[in-house]
Amino acid sequence: MMIGTKSPANTDLITAAVVYCIDNVSTTVGQDAMKEYIVNNGVRVLSCYLVRPRRSRWQRESGIIPEDRNTFRLCIPREQRGKLL
């Protein structure tokens, strides 16, 4: 699913890539370490960003942001999704 109104410059990249949410990762793991781990497992990383953790409904309603785990937005080539999973 894509949200927004601006067309991307390279639509081939969108159809050739998949985006995953990697959640519940130790706070000692940063972007570089996550990317290195995935690359070392034979997967090409298009992008990897640290994002806010997913929250349960009551956490969202209460304004609670978990600080006990890291969450990443990971984009990889579609043909390599089997290697990641």
PDB file of N, CA and C in Angstrom:
ATOM      1  N   MET A   1       0.841  -1.168   0.000  1.00  0.00           N
ATOM      2  CA  MET A   1       0.000   0.000   0.000  1.00  0.00           C
ATOM      3  C   MET A   1       0.889   1.234   0.000  1.00  0.00           C
ATOM      4  N   MET A   2       0.554   2.188  -0.817  1.00  0.00           N
ATOM      5  CA  MET A   2       1.288   3.452  -0.854  1.00  0.00           C
ATOM      6  C   MET A   2       0.332   4.572  -0.490  1.00  0.00           C
ATOM      7  N   ILE A   3       0.828   5.496   0.287  1.00  0.00           N
ATOM      8  CA  ILE A   3       0.030   6.647   0.676  1.00  0.00           C
ATOM      9  C   ILE A   3       0.748   7.885   0.199  1.00  0.00           C
ATOM     10  N   GLY A   4       0.022   8.791  -0.430  1.00  0.00           N
ATOM     11  CA  GLY A   4       0.618  10.034  -0.901  1.00  0.00           C
ATOM     12  C   GLY A   4       0.112  10.390  -2.280  1.00  0.00           C
ATOM     13  N   THR A   5       0.455  11.579  -2.728  1.00  0.00           N
ATOM     14  CA  THR A   5      -0.027  12.038  -4.015  1.00  0.00           C
ATOM     15  C   THR A   5       1.094  12.275  -5.011  1.00  0.00           C
ATOM     16  N   LYS A   6       2.327  12.356  -4.550  1.00  0.00           N
ATOM     17  CA  LYS A   6       3.443  12.616  -5.442  1.00  0.00           C
ATOM     18  C   LYS A   6       3.909  11.326  -6.094  1.00  0.00           C
ATOM     19  N   SER A   7       4.087  11.350  -7.404  1.00  0.00           N
ATOM     20  CA  SER A   7       4.570  10.177  -8.125  1.00  0.00           C
ATOM     21  C   SER A   7       6.070  10.031  -7.916  1.00  0.00           C
ATOM     22  N   PRO A   8       6.536   8.828  -7.660  1.00  0.00           N
ATOM     23  CA  PRO A   8       7.968   8.619  -7.494  1.00  0.00           C
ATOM     24  C   PRO A   8       8.704   8.776  -8.812  1.00  0.00           C
ATOM     25  N   ALA A   9       9.972   9.142  -8.740  1.00  0.00           N
ATOM     26  CA  ALA A   9      10.776   9.333  -9.942  1.00  0.00           C
ATOM     27  C   ALA A   9      11.058   8.013 -10.637  1.00  0.00           C
ATOM     28  N   ASN A  10      11.215   6.938  -9.862  1.00  0.00           N
ATOM     29  CA  ASN A  10      11.570   5.644 -10.438  1.00  0.00           C
ATOM     30  C   ASN A  10      10.529   4.607 -10.021  1.00  0.00           C
ATOM     31  N   THR A  11       9.516   4.393 -10.844  1.00  0.00           N
ATOM     32  CA  THR A  11       8.449   3.446 -10.507  1.00  0.00           C
ATOM     33  C   THR A  11       8.925   2.001 -10.603  1.00  0.00           C
ATOM     34  N   ASP A  12      10.023   1.736 -11.343  1.00  0.00           N
ATOM     35  CA  ASP A  12      10.562   0.377 -11.429  1.00  0.00           C
ATOM     36  C   ASP A  12      11.035  -0.092 -10.061  1.00  0.00           C
ATOM     37  N   LEU A  13      11.597   0.817  -9.274  1.00  0.00           N
ATOM     38  CA  LEU A  13      12.087   0.463  -7.947  1.00  0.00           C
ATOM     39  C   LEU A  13      10.946   0.007  -7.051  1.00  0.00           C
ATOM     40  N   ILE A  14       9.784   0.650  -7.166  1.00  0.00           N
ATOM     41  CA  ILE A  14       8.649   0.308  -6.315  1.00  0.00           C
ATOM     42  C   ILE A  14       8.149  -1.097  -6.606  1.00  0.00           C
ATOM     43  N   THR A  15       8.033  -1.461  -7.860  1.00  0.00           N
ATOM     44  CA  THR A  15       7.520  -2.785  -8.198  1.00  0.00           C
ATOM     45  C   THR A  15       8.557  -3.872  -7.957  1.00  0.00           C
ATOM     46  N   ALA A  16       9.820  -3.480  -7.862  1.00  0.00           N
ATOM     47  CA  ALA A  16      10.886  -4.464  -7.696  1.00  0.00           C
ATOM     48  C   ALA A  16      11.346  -4.584  -6.250  1.00  0.00           C
ATOM     49  N   ALA A  17      10.684  -3.876  -5.321  1.00  0.00           N
ATOM     50  CA  ALA A  17      11.131  -3.877  -3.928  1.00  0.00           C
ATOM     51  C   ALA A  17       9.976  -4.188  -2.989  1.00  0.00           C
ATOM     52  N   VAL A  18      10.340  -4.686  -1.800  1.00  0.00           N
ATOM     53  CA  VAL A  18       9.363  -4.920  -0.744  1.00  0.00           C
ATOM     54  C   VAL A  18       9.867  -4.242   0.526  1.00  0.00           C
ATOM     55  N   VAL A  19       8.925  -3.816   1.357  1.00  0.00           N
ATOM     56  CA  VAL A  19       9.259  -3.123   2.598  1.00  0.00           C
ATOM     57  C   VAL A  19       8.758  -3.951   3.770  1.00  0.00           C
ATOM     58  N   TYR A  20       9.619  -4.126   4.758  1.00  0.00           N
ATOM     59  CA  TYR A  20       9.280  -4.884   5.959  1.00  0.00           C
ATOM     60  C   TYR A  20       9.459  -4.028   7.196  1.00  0.00           C
ATOM     61  N   CYS A  21       8.696  -4.358   8.212  1.00  0.00           N
ATOM     62  CA  CYS A  21       8.865  -3.786   9.529  1.00  0.00           C
ATOM     63  C   CYS A  21       9.544  -4.852  10.382  1.00  0.00           C
ATOM     64  N   ILE A  22      10.753  -4.558  10.839  1.00  0.00           N
ATOM     65  CA  ILE A  22      11.486  -5.474  11.707  1.00  0.00           C
ATOM     66  C   ILE A  22      11.357  -4.906  13.116  1.00  0.00           C
ATOM     67  N   ASP A  23      10.545  -5.541  13.945  1.00  0.00           N
ATOM     68  CA  ASP A  23      10.212  -5.005  15.272  1.00  0.00           C
ATOM     69  C   ASP A  23      10.763  -5.903  16.369  1.00  0.00           C
ATOM     70  N   ASN A  24      10.761  -5.383  17.566  1.00  0.00           N
ATOM     71  CA  ASN A  24      11.159  -6.110  18.771  1.00  0.00           C
ATOM     72  C   ASN A  24      12.638  -6.496  18.745  1.00  0.00           C
ATOM     73  N   VAL A  25      13.478  -5.544  18.325  1.00  0.00           N
ATOM     74  CA  VAL A  25      14.921  -5.740  18.249  1.00  0.00           C
ATOM     75  C   VAL A  25      15.552  -5.050  19.459  1.00  0.00           C
ATOM     76  N   SER A  26      16.599  -5.626  19.997  1.00  0.00           N
ATOM     77  CA  SER A  26      17.293  -5.044  21.147  1.00  0.00           C
ATOM     78  C   SER A  26      17.692  -3.598  20.865  1.00  0.00           C
ATOM     79  N   THR A  27      17.647  -2.774  21.896  1.00  0.00           N
ATOM     80  CA  THR A  27      18.021  -1.360  21.743  1.00  0.00           C
ATOM     81  C   THR A  27      19.520  -1.197  21.505  1.00  0.00           C
ATOM     82  N   THR A  28      20.293  -2.249  21.690  1.00  0.00           N
ATOM     83  CA  THR A  28      21.732  -2.180  21.419  1.00  0.00           C
ATOM     84  C   THR A  28      22.033  -2.320  19.931  1.00  0.00           C
ATOM     85  N   VAL A  29      21.040  -2.683  19.130  1.00  0.00           N
ATOM     86  CA  VAL A  29      21.212  -2.855  17.687  1.00  0.00           C
ATOM     87  C   VAL A  29      20.810  -1.563  16.982  1.00  0.00           C
ATOM     88  N   GLY A  30      21.748  -0.979  16.239  1.00  0.00           N
ATOM     89  CA  GLY A  30      21.481   0.237  15.484  1.00  0.00           C
ATOM     90  C   GLY A  30      21.282  -0.056  14.012  1.00  0.00           C
ATOM     91  N   GLN A  31      21.066   1.010  13.228  1.00  0.00           N
ATOM     92  CA  GLN A  31      20.833   0.866  11.790  1.00  0.00           C
ATOM     93  C   GLN A  31      21.978   0.147  11.095  1.00  0.00           C
ATOM     94  N   ASP A  32      23.196   0.566  11.390  1.00  0.00           N
ATOM     95  CA  ASP A  32      24.350  -0.034  10.709  1.00  0.00           C
ATOM     96  C   ASP A  32      24.486  -1.517  11.033  1.00  0.00           C
ATOM     97  N   ALA A  33      24.279  -1.877  12.293  1.00  0.00           N
ATOM     98  CA  ALA A  33      24.385  -3.288  12.694  1.00  0.00           C
ATOM     99  C   ALA A  33      23.287  -4.124  12.037  1.00  0.00           C
ATOM    100  N   MET A  34      22.074  -3.582  11.964  1.00  0.00           N
ATOM    101  CA  MET A  34      20.968  -4.311  11.329  1.00  0.00           C
ATOM    102  C   MET A  34      21.256  -4.511   9.847  1.00  0.00           C
ATOM    103  N   LYS A  35      21.698  -3.451   9.190  1.00  0.00           N
ATOM    104  CA  LYS A  35      21.999  -3.540   7.764  1.00  0.00           C
ATOM    105  C   LYS A  35      23.132  -4.545   7.518  1.00  0.00           C
ATOM    106  N   GLU A  36      24.176  -4.491   8.329  1.00  0.00           N
ATOM    107  CA  GLU A  36      25.307  -5.411   8.185  1.00  0.00           C
ATOM    108  C   GLU A  36      24.861  -6.867   8.365  1.00  0.00           C
ATOM    109  N   TYR A  37      24.008  -7.119   9.340  1.00  0.00           N
ATOM    110  CA  TYR A  37      23.511  -8.473   9.588  1.00  0.00           C
ATOM    111  C   TYR A  37      22.755  -9.005   8.375  1.00  0.00           C
ATOM    112  N   ILE A  38      21.903  -8.177   7.802  1.00  0.00           N
ATOM    113  CA  ILE A  38      21.099  -8.605   6.652  1.00  0.00           C
ATOM    114  C   ILE A  38      21.981  -8.826   5.425  1.00  0.00           C
ATOM    115  N   VAL A  39      22.921  -7.921   5.177  1.00  0.00           N
ATOM    116  CA  VAL A  39      23.846  -8.054   4.051  1.00  0.00           C
ATOM    117  C   VAL A  39      24.689  -9.315   4.199  1.00  0.00           C
ATOM    118  N   ASN A  40      25.142  -9.601   5.426  1.00  0.00           N
ATOM    119  CA  ASN A  40      25.947 -10.809   5.673  1.00  0.00           C
ATOM    120  C   ASN A  40      25.161 -12.088   5.437  1.00  0.00           C
ATOM    121  N   ASN A  41      23.834 -11.993   5.384  1.00  0.00           N
ATOM    122  CA  ASN A  41      22.989 -13.154   5.092  1.00  0.00           C
ATOM    123  C   ASN A  41      22.600 -13.207   3.619  1.00  0.00           C
ATOM    124  N   GLY A  42      23.306 -12.426   2.785  1.00  0.00           N
ATOM    125  CA  GLY A  42      23.133 -12.496   1.341  1.00  0.00           C
ATOM    126  C   GLY A  42      21.967 -11.711   0.776  1.00  0.00           C
ATOM    127  N   VAL A  43      21.467 -10.720   1.528  1.00  0.00           N
ATOM    128  CA  VAL A  43      20.341  -9.918   1.051  1.00  0.00           C
ATOM    129  C   VAL A  43      20.830  -8.491   0.781  1.00  0.00           C
ATOM    130  N   ARG A  44      20.505  -7.964  -0.378  1.00  0.00           N
ATOM    131  CA  ARG A  44      20.866  -6.582  -0.728  1.00  0.00           C
ATOM    132  C   ARG A  44      19.891  -5.629  -0.036  1.00  0.00           C
ATOM    133  N   VAL A  45      20.399  -4.681   0.700  1.00  0.00           N
ATOM    134  CA  VAL A  45      19.564  -3.713   1.413  1.00  0.00           C
ATOM    135  C   VAL A  45      19.462  -2.439   0.586  1.00  0.00           C
ATOM    136  N   LEU A  46      18.218  -2.077   0.223  1.00  0.00           N
ATOM    137  CA  LEU A  46      17.998  -0.827  -0.497  1.00  0.00           C
ATOM    138  C   LEU A  46      17.924   0.341   0.478  1.00  0.00           C
ATOM    139  N   SER A  47      17.277   0.115   1.623  1.00  0.00           N
ATOM    140  CA  SER A  47      17.248   1.125   2.686  1.00  0.00           C
ATOM    141  C   SER A  47      16.915   0.442   4.004  1.00  0.00           C
ATOM    142  N   CYS A  48      17.397   1.050   5.088  1.00  0.00           N
ATOM    143  CA  CYS A  48      17.142   0.536   6.421  1.00  0.00           C
ATOM    144  C   CYS A  48      17.125   1.726   7.364  1.00  0.00           C
ATOM    145  N   TYR A  49      15.962   1.987   7.974  1.00  0.00           N
ATOM    146  CA  TYR A  49      15.805   3.144   8.849  1.00  0.00           C
ATOM    147  C   TYR A  49      15.256   2.726  10.203  1.00  0.00           C
ATOM    148  N   LEU A  50      15.751   3.366  11.237  1.00  0.00           N
ATOM    149  CA  LEU A  50      15.208   3.202  12.579  1.00  0.00           C
ATOM    150  C   LEU A  50      13.911   4.005  12.648  1.00  0.00           C
ATOM    151  N   VAL A  51      12.821   3.369  13.073  1.00  0.00           N
ATOM    152  CA  VAL A  51      11.518   4.035  13.178  1.00  0.00           C
ATOM    153  C   VAL A  51      10.946   3.812  14.573  1.00  0.00           C
ATOM    154  N   ARG A  52       9.864   4.512  14.884  1.00  0.00           N
ATOM    155  CA  ARG A  52       9.218   4.313  16.185  1.00  0.00           C
ATOM    156  C   ARG A  52       8.584   2.927  16.248  1.00  0.00           C
ATOM    157  N   PRO A  53       8.660   2.274  17.425  1.00  0.00           N
ATOM    158  CA  PRO A  53       8.084   0.933  17.564  1.00  0.00           C
ATOM    159  C   PRO A  53       6.574   0.927  17.355  1.00  0.00           C
ATOM    160  N   ARG A  54       6.062  -0.206  16.907  1.00  0.00           N
ATOM    161  CA  ARG A  54       4.612  -0.377  16.820  1.00  0.00           C
ATOM    162  C   ARG A  54       4.052  -0.410  18.226  1.00  0.00           C
ATOM    163  N   ARG A  55       2.832   0.084  18.367  1.00  0.00           N
ATOM    164  CA  ARG A  55       2.229   0.157  19.693  1.00  0.00           C
ATOM    165  C   ARG A  55       0.844  -0.446  19.678  1.00  0.00           C
ATOM    166  N   SER A  56       0.437  -0.966  20.812  1.00  0.00           N
ATOM    167  CA  SER A  56      -0.918  -1.487  20.940  1.00  0.00           C
ATOM    168  C   SER A  56      -1.883  -0.303  20.985  1.00  0.00           C
ATOM    169  N   ARG A  57      -3.139  -0.578  20.839  1.00  0.00           N
ATOM    170  CA  ARG A  57      -4.148   0.481  20.822  1.00  0.00           C
ATOM    171  C   ARG A  57      -4.122   1.296  22.113  1.00  0.00           C
ATOM    172  N   TRP A  58      -4.053   0.613  23.266  1.00  0.00           N
ATOM    173  CA  TRP A  58      -4.075   1.348  24.527  1.00  0.00           C
ATOM    174  C   TRP A  58      -2.815   2.196  24.692  1.00  0.00           C
ATOM    175  N   GLN A  59      -1.682   1.726  24.125  1.00  0.00           N
ATOM    176  CA  GLN A  59      -0.459   2.526  24.184  1.00  0.00           C
ATOM    177  C   GLN A  59      -0.597   3.786  23.328  1.00  0.00           C
ATOM    178  N   ARG A  60      -1.197   3.642  22.136  1.00  0.00           N
ATOM    179  CA  ARG A  60      -1.412   4.808  21.274  1.00  0.00           C
ATOM    180  C   ARG A  60      -2.342   5.803  21.948  1.00  0.00           C
ATOM    181  N   GLU A  61      -3.441   5.311  22.517  1.00  0.00           N
ATOM    182  CA  GLU A  61      -4.418   6.184  23.160  1.00  0.00           C
ATOM    183  C   GLU A  61      -3.841   6.879  24.391  1.00  0.00           C
ATOM    184  N   SER A  62      -2.899   6.228  25.060  1.00  0.00           N
ATOM    185  CA  SER A  62      -2.287   6.798  26.275  1.00  0.00           C
ATOM    186  C   SER A  62      -1.030   7.608  25.965  1.00  0.00           C
ATOM    187  N   GLY A  63      -0.601   7.601  24.698  1.00  0.00           N
ATOM    188  CA  GLY A  63       0.596   8.340  24.312  1.00  0.00           C
ATOM    189  C   GLY A  63       1.892   7.680  24.746  1.00  0.00           C
ATOM    190  N   ILE A  64       1.850   6.376  24.989  1.00  0.00           N
ATOM    191  CA  ILE A  64       3.024   5.639  25.446  1.00  0.00           C
ATOM    192  C   ILE A  64       3.849   5.187  24.239  1.00  0.00           C
ATOM    193  N   ILE A  65       5.147   5.516  24.265  1.00  0.00           N
ATOM    194  CA  ILE A  65       6.063   5.066  23.225  1.00  0.00           C
ATOM    195  C   ILE A  65       7.079   4.130  23.873  1.00  0.00           C
ATOM    196  N   PRO A  66       7.052   2.845  23.522  1.00  0.00           N
ATOM    197  CA  PRO A  66       7.985   1.882  24.128  1.00  0.00           C
ATOM    198  C   PRO A  66       9.434   2.265  23.844  1.00  0.00           C
ATOM    199  N   GLU A  67      10.261   2.218  24.871  1.00  0.00           N
ATOM    200  CA  GLU A  67      11.673   2.527  24.707  1.00  0.00           C
ATOM    201  C   GLU A  67      12.551   1.306  24.976  1.00  0.00           C
ATOM    202  N   ASP A  68      11.917   0.133  25.087  1.00  0.00           N
ATOM    203  CA  ASP A  68      12.664  -1.077  25.410  1.00  0.00           C
ATOM    204  C   ASP A  68      13.008  -1.916  24.189  1.00  0.00           C
ATOM    205  N   ARG A  69      12.754  -1.393  22.990  1.00  0.00           N
ATOM    206  CA  ARG A  69      13.063  -2.141  21.776  1.00  0.00           C
ATOM    207  C   ARG A  69      13.216  -1.179  20.598  1.00  0.00           C
ATOM    208  N   ASN A  70      13.923  -1.647  19.564  1.00  0.00           N
ATOM    209  CA  ASN A  70      14.080  -0.878  18.330  1.00  0.00           C
ATOM    210  C   ASN A  70      13.219  -1.499  17.239  1.00  0.00           C
ATOM    211  N   THR A  71      12.845  -0.666  16.292  1.00  0.00           N
ATOM    212  CA  THR A  71      12.061  -1.097  15.143  1.00  0.00           C
ATOM    213  C   THR A  71      12.696  -0.491  13.896  1.00  0.00           C
ATOM    214  N   PHE A  72      12.750  -1.274  12.816  1.00  0.00           N
ATOM    215  CA  PHE A  72      13.378  -0.821  11.582  1.00  0.00           C
ATOM    216  C   PHE A  72      12.419  -0.939  10.408  1.00  0.00           C
ATOM    217  N   ARG A  73      12.541  -0.005   9.473  1.00  0.00           N
ATOM    218  CA  ARG A  73      11.847  -0.077   8.183  1.00  0.00           C
ATOM    219  C   ARG A  73      12.912  -0.536   7.200  1.00  0.00           C
ATOM    220  N   LEU A  74      12.697  -1.710   6.618  1.00  0.00           N
ATOM    221  CA  LEU A  74      13.687  -2.329   5.747  1.00  0.00           C
ATOM    222  C   LEU A  74      13.116  -2.506   4.347  1.00  0.00           C
ATOM    223  N   CYS A  75      13.868  -2.078   3.354  1.00  0.00           N
ATOM    224  CA  CYS A  75      13.462  -2.232   1.954  1.00  0.00           C
ATOM    225  C   CYS A  75      14.519  -3.071   1.243  1.00  0.00           C
ATOM    226  N   ILE A  76      14.072  -4.158   0.591  1.00  0.00           N
ATOM    227  CA  ILE A  76      14.977  -5.071  -0.116  1.00  0.00           C
ATOM    228  C   ILE A  76      14.388  -5.391  -1.491  1.00  0.00           C
ATOM    229  N   PRO A  77      15.211  -5.914  -2.408  1.00  0.00           N
ATOM    230  CA  PRO A  77      14.681  -6.348  -3.705  1.00  0.00           C
ATOM    231  C   PRO A  77      13.654  -7.473  -3.523  1.00  0.00           C
ATOM    232  N   ARG A  78      12.577  -7.407  -4.275  1.00  0.00           N
ATOM    233  CA  ARG A  78      11.497  -8.391  -4.168  1.00  0.00           C
ATOM    234  C   ARG A  78      11.992  -9.817  -4.363  1.00  0.00           C
ATOM    235  N   GLU A  79      12.914 -10.025  -5.281  1.00  0.00           N
ATOM    236  CA  GLU A  79      13.372 -11.394  -5.556  1.00  0.00           C
ATOM    237  C   GLU A  79      14.190 -11.993  -4.421  1.00  0.00           C
ATOM    238  N   GLN A  80      14.577 -11.169  -3.430  1.00  0.00           N
ATOM    239  CA  GLN A  80      15.361 -11.676  -2.304  1.00  0.00           C
ATOM    240  C   GLN A  80      14.537 -11.845  -1.017  1.00  0.00           C
ATOM    241  N   ARG A  81      13.246 -11.676  -1.111  1.00  0.00           N
ATOM    242  CA  ARG A  81      12.409 -11.774   0.092  1.00  0.00           C
ATOM    243  C   ARG A  81      12.464 -13.174   0.732  1.00  0.00           C
ATOM    244  N   GLY A  82      12.648 -14.202  -0.057  1.00  0.00           N
ATOM    245  CA  GLY A  82      12.767 -15.555   0.479  1.00  0.00           C
ATOM    246  C   GLY A  82      14.000 -15.718   1.368  1.00  0.00           C
ATOM    247  N   LYS A  83      15.093 -15.061   0.998  1.00  0.00           N
ATOM    248  CA  LYS A  83      16.308 -15.111   1.803  1.00  0.00           C
ATOM    249  C   LYS A  83      16.097 -14.430   3.159  1.00  0.00           C
ATOM    250  N   LEU A  84      15.380 -13.331   3.148  1.00  0.00           N
ATOM    251  CA  LEU A  84      15.139 -12.608   4.402  1.00  0.00           C
ATOM    252  C   LEU A  84      14.203 -13.395   5.305  1.00  0.00           C
ATOM    253  N   LEU A  85      13.131 -13.909   4.730  1.00  0.00           N
ATOM    254  CA  LEU A  85      12.142 -14.613   5.540  1.00  0.00           C
ATOM    255  C   LEU A  85      12.638 -15.985   5.933  1.00  0.00           C
TER     256      LEU A  85
END
